[in-house]
Amino acid sequence: MLTDYIHAAMRRARYEILEDDGSFYGEIPGFDGVWANSFTLEGCRDELEEVLEGWIVLSLSRNLPLPAVDGHSIEIAPAS
């Protein structure tokens, strides 16, 4: 479930090369604050996935809703 969600979100990632230093910048639309920057595309992807994982953990720990991604969603059931 979590892996499928992360993979779906990463498929939405957008990357660009920054003109000032030639590094790669990546972000995932719909995931505010989830971005990465690295001198290689592979490094940018890896960093972006790590940031996404941390963002998910933080959001869940604060009971914040996570956006649905291509039919994948993560919801925490209320404690009984």
N, C-alpha and C. Protein backbone atom coordinates (compact mmCIF):
# COMPACT_ATOMS: atom_id res chain seq x y z
N MET A 1 0.83 -1.18 0.00
CA MET A 1 0.00 0.00 0.00
C MET A 1 0.87 1.25 0.00
N LEU A 2 1.78 1.39 0.95
CA LEU A 2 2.63 2.56 1.04
C LEU A 2 3.57 2.65 -0.16
N THR A 3 4.14 1.53 -0.56
CA THR A 3 5.04 1.52 -1.70
C THR A 3 4.31 1.92 -2.97
N ASP A 4 3.11 1.41 -3.18
CA ASP A 4 2.32 1.78 -4.36
C ASP A 4 2.01 3.27 -4.37
N TYR A 5 1.69 3.82 -3.20
CA TYR A 5 1.39 5.25 -3.07
C TYR A 5 2.63 6.08 -3.44
N ILE A 6 3.78 5.71 -2.91
CA ILE A 6 5.01 6.44 -3.19
C ILE A 6 5.37 6.35 -4.67
N HIS A 7 5.26 5.18 -5.25
CA HIS A 7 5.56 5.02 -6.68
C HIS A 7 4.61 5.87 -7.53
N ALA A 8 3.34 5.89 -7.19
CA ALA A 8 2.38 6.70 -7.94
C ALA A 8 2.71 8.18 -7.83
N ALA A 9 3.06 8.62 -6.65
CA ALA A 9 3.43 10.03 -6.46
C ALA A 9 4.70 10.36 -7.24
N MET A 10 5.68 9.47 -7.21
CA MET A 10 6.95 9.73 -7.92
C MET A 10 6.75 9.79 -9.43
N ARG A 11 5.75 9.08 -9.94
CA ARG A 11 5.46 9.16 -11.38
C ARG A 11 4.96 10.54 -11.77
N ARG A 12 4.45 11.31 -10.80
CA ARG A 12 3.99 12.68 -11.06
C ARG A 12 5.12 13.71 -10.99
N ALA A 13 6.28 13.30 -10.54
CA ALA A 13 7.40 14.23 -10.34
C ALA A 13 7.77 14.94 -11.63
N ARG A 14 8.17 16.18 -11.47
CA ARG A 14 8.63 17.01 -12.58
C ARG A 14 10.03 17.49 -12.25
N TYR A 15 10.90 17.45 -13.26
CA TYR A 15 12.30 17.82 -13.06
C TYR A 15 12.69 18.89 -14.06
N GLU A 16 13.64 19.73 -13.64
CA GLU A 16 14.20 20.72 -14.55
C GLU A 16 15.67 20.93 -14.19
N ILE A 17 16.41 21.41 -15.17
CA ILE A 17 17.82 21.74 -14.94
C ILE A 17 17.88 23.24 -14.63
N LEU A 18 18.50 23.58 -13.52
CA LEU A 18 18.63 24.98 -13.13
C LEU A 18 19.78 25.62 -13.90
N GLU A 19 19.49 26.76 -14.51
CA GLU A 19 20.48 27.42 -15.36
C GLU A 19 21.68 27.94 -14.59
N ASP A 20 21.47 28.38 -13.35
CA ASP A 20 22.57 29.02 -12.63
C ASP A 20 23.72 28.07 -12.29
N ASP A 21 23.42 26.80 -12.00
CA ASP A 21 24.51 25.88 -11.65
C ASP A 21 24.44 24.52 -12.35
N GLY A 22 23.43 24.33 -13.20
CA GLY A 22 23.30 23.08 -13.94
C GLY A 22 22.79 21.91 -13.12
N SER A 23 22.36 22.17 -11.89
CA SER A 23 21.84 21.08 -11.05
C SER A 23 20.39 20.77 -11.43
N PHE A 24 19.90 19.66 -10.93
CA PHE A 24 18.54 19.22 -11.20
C PHE A 24 17.65 19.59 -10.02
N TYR A 25 16.47 20.09 -10.33
CA TYR A 25 15.45 20.42 -9.33
C TYR A 25 14.25 19.56 -9.63
N GLY A 26 13.67 18.96 -8.60
CA GLY A 26 12.49 18.13 -8.78
C GLY A 26 11.43 18.44 -7.74
N GLU A 27 10.17 18.33 -8.14
CA GLU A 27 9.05 18.51 -7.23
C GLU A 27 7.91 17.63 -7.68
N ILE A 28 6.94 17.45 -6.78
CA ILE A 28 5.76 16.64 -7.09
C ILE A 28 4.54 17.55 -6.95
N PRO A 29 3.88 17.87 -8.05
CA PRO A 29 2.68 18.71 -7.96
C PRO A 29 1.65 18.10 -7.01
N GLY A 30 1.07 18.96 -6.17
CA GLY A 30 0.07 18.51 -5.22
C GLY A 30 0.63 18.13 -3.87
N PHE A 31 1.96 18.12 -3.75
CA PHE A 31 2.63 17.79 -2.50
C PHE A 31 3.46 18.99 -2.07
N ASP A 32 2.80 19.95 -1.45
CA ASP A 32 3.46 21.20 -1.06
C ASP A 32 4.67 20.95 -0.17
N GLY A 33 5.78 21.55 -0.53
CA GLY A 33 7.00 21.43 0.26
C GLY A 33 7.85 20.23 -0.07
N VAL A 34 7.41 19.39 -1.00
CA VAL A 34 8.19 18.21 -1.38
C VAL A 34 8.98 18.56 -2.64
N TRP A 35 10.27 18.82 -2.44
CA TRP A 35 11.16 19.15 -3.56
C TRP A 35 12.57 18.69 -3.23
N ALA A 36 13.40 18.61 -4.26
CA ALA A 36 14.78 18.17 -4.08
C ALA A 36 15.66 18.86 -5.11
N ASN A 37 16.96 18.88 -4.82
CA ASN A 37 17.93 19.48 -5.71
C ASN A 37 19.22 18.68 -5.61
N SER A 38 19.80 18.31 -6.77
CA SER A 38 21.04 17.54 -6.78
C SER A 38 21.75 17.78 -8.11
N PHE A 39 23.02 17.44 -8.17
CA PHE A 39 23.78 17.65 -9.39
C PHE A 39 23.59 16.55 -10.42
N THR A 40 22.87 15.47 -10.06
CA THR A 40 22.53 14.44 -11.03
C THR A 40 21.03 14.17 -10.96
N LEU A 41 20.48 13.73 -12.07
CA LEU A 41 19.05 13.41 -12.09
C LEU A 41 18.75 12.26 -11.14
N GLU A 42 19.62 11.24 -11.15
CA GLU A 42 19.43 10.09 -10.25
C GLU A 42 19.45 10.54 -8.79
N GLY A 43 20.40 11.39 -8.44
CA GLY A 43 20.47 11.92 -7.07
C GLY A 43 19.25 12.72 -6.71
N CYS A 44 18.74 13.49 -7.66
CA CYS A 44 17.54 14.29 -7.42
C CYS A 44 16.34 13.38 -7.18
N ARG A 45 16.20 12.34 -7.97
CA ARG A 45 15.10 11.39 -7.78
C ARG A 45 15.18 10.72 -6.41
N ASP A 46 16.38 10.27 -6.04
CA ASP A 46 16.56 9.61 -4.75
C ASP A 46 16.21 10.56 -3.60
N GLU A 47 16.72 11.79 -3.69
CA GLU A 47 16.45 12.76 -2.63
C GLU A 47 14.96 13.11 -2.57
N LEU A 48 14.33 13.23 -3.74
CA LEU A 48 12.90 13.55 -3.78
C LEU A 48 12.08 12.45 -3.12
N GLU A 49 12.43 11.21 -3.36
CA GLU A 49 11.71 10.10 -2.73
C GLU A 49 11.89 10.11 -1.21
N GLU A 50 13.10 10.41 -0.75
CA GLU A 50 13.33 10.50 0.70
C GLU A 50 12.51 11.63 1.32
N VAL A 51 12.48 12.77 0.64
CA VAL A 51 11.69 13.90 1.14
C VAL A 51 10.21 13.53 1.17
N LEU A 52 9.73 12.87 0.13
CA LEU A 52 8.33 12.43 0.09
C LEU A 52 8.01 11.50 1.25
N GLU A 53 8.88 10.54 1.52
CA GLU A 53 8.66 9.61 2.64
C GLU A 53 8.58 10.36 3.96
N GLY A 54 9.48 11.30 4.19
CA GLY A 54 9.44 12.11 5.41
C GLY A 54 8.19 12.95 5.51
N TRP A 55 7.77 13.50 4.37
CA TRP A 55 6.55 14.32 4.32
C TRP A 55 5.33 13.47 4.69
N ILE A 56 5.28 12.25 4.18
CA ILE A 56 4.17 11.34 4.50
C ILE A 56 4.15 11.04 5.99
N VAL A 57 5.30 10.68 6.56
CA VAL A 57 5.38 10.35 7.99
C VAL A 57 4.95 11.56 8.84
N LEU A 58 5.45 12.74 8.50
CA LEU A 58 5.09 13.94 9.25
C LEU A 58 3.59 14.22 9.14
N SER A 59 3.05 14.12 7.93
CA SER A 59 1.61 14.36 7.73
C SER A 59 0.77 13.38 8.54
N LEU A 60 1.15 12.12 8.52
CA LEU A 60 0.39 11.12 9.28
C LEU A 60 0.51 11.36 10.78
N SER A 61 1.70 11.75 11.23
CA SER A 61 1.88 11.99 12.67
C SER A 61 1.06 13.17 13.17
N ARG A 62 0.73 14.07 12.26
CA ARG A 62 -0.08 15.25 12.62
C ARG A 62 -1.54 15.10 12.19
N ASN A 63 -1.90 13.90 11.77
CA ASN A 63 -3.27 13.60 11.33
C ASN A 63 -3.72 14.51 10.20
N LEU A 64 -2.80 14.86 9.31
CA LEU A 64 -3.13 15.67 8.14
C LEU A 64 -3.52 14.76 6.99
N PRO A 65 -4.47 15.17 6.18
CA PRO A 65 -4.89 14.31 5.06
C PRO A 65 -3.81 14.27 3.99
N LEU A 66 -3.69 13.14 3.34
CA LEU A 66 -2.77 12.97 2.22
C LEU A 66 -3.58 12.95 0.93
N PRO A 67 -3.07 13.56 -0.13
CA PRO A 67 -3.81 13.56 -1.38
C PRO A 67 -3.88 12.16 -1.99
N ALA A 68 -4.99 11.85 -2.62
CA ALA A 68 -5.09 10.60 -3.37
C ALA A 68 -4.26 10.75 -4.64
N VAL A 69 -3.60 9.67 -5.04
CA VAL A 69 -2.74 9.70 -6.22
C VAL A 69 -3.08 8.51 -7.10
N ASP A 70 -3.68 8.78 -8.25
CA ASP A 70 -4.00 7.74 -9.22
C ASP A 70 -4.70 6.53 -8.57
N GLY A 71 -5.67 6.80 -7.73
CA GLY A 71 -6.44 5.75 -7.08
C GLY A 71 -5.82 5.19 -5.82
N HIS A 72 -4.66 5.67 -5.45
CA HIS A 72 -3.99 5.23 -4.22
C HIS A 72 -4.20 6.28 -3.14
N SER A 73 -4.51 5.81 -1.94
CA SER A 73 -4.67 6.74 -0.82
C SER A 73 -4.19 6.06 0.47
N ILE A 74 -3.85 6.91 1.42
CA ILE A 74 -3.43 6.42 2.72
C ILE A 74 -4.28 7.16 3.75
N GLU A 75 -4.95 6.41 4.56
CA GLU A 75 -5.78 7.00 5.60
C GLU A 75 -5.53 6.25 6.90
N ILE A 76 -5.52 6.98 7.98
CA ILE A 76 -5.35 6.39 9.30
C ILE A 76 -6.71 6.27 9.95
N ALA A 77 -7.06 5.08 10.37
CA ALA A 77 -8.34 4.87 11.03
C ALA A 77 -8.26 5.47 12.43
N PRO A 78 -9.33 6.12 12.87
CA PRO A 78 -9.33 6.69 14.21
C PRO A 78 -9.15 5.61 15.27
N ALA A 79 -8.42 5.94 16.31
CA ALA A 79 -8.21 5.00 17.42
C ALA A 79 -9.52 4.78 18.14
N SER A 80 -9.75 3.55 18.54
CA SER A 80 -11.01 3.27 19.24
C SER A 80 -10.80 3.14 20.73
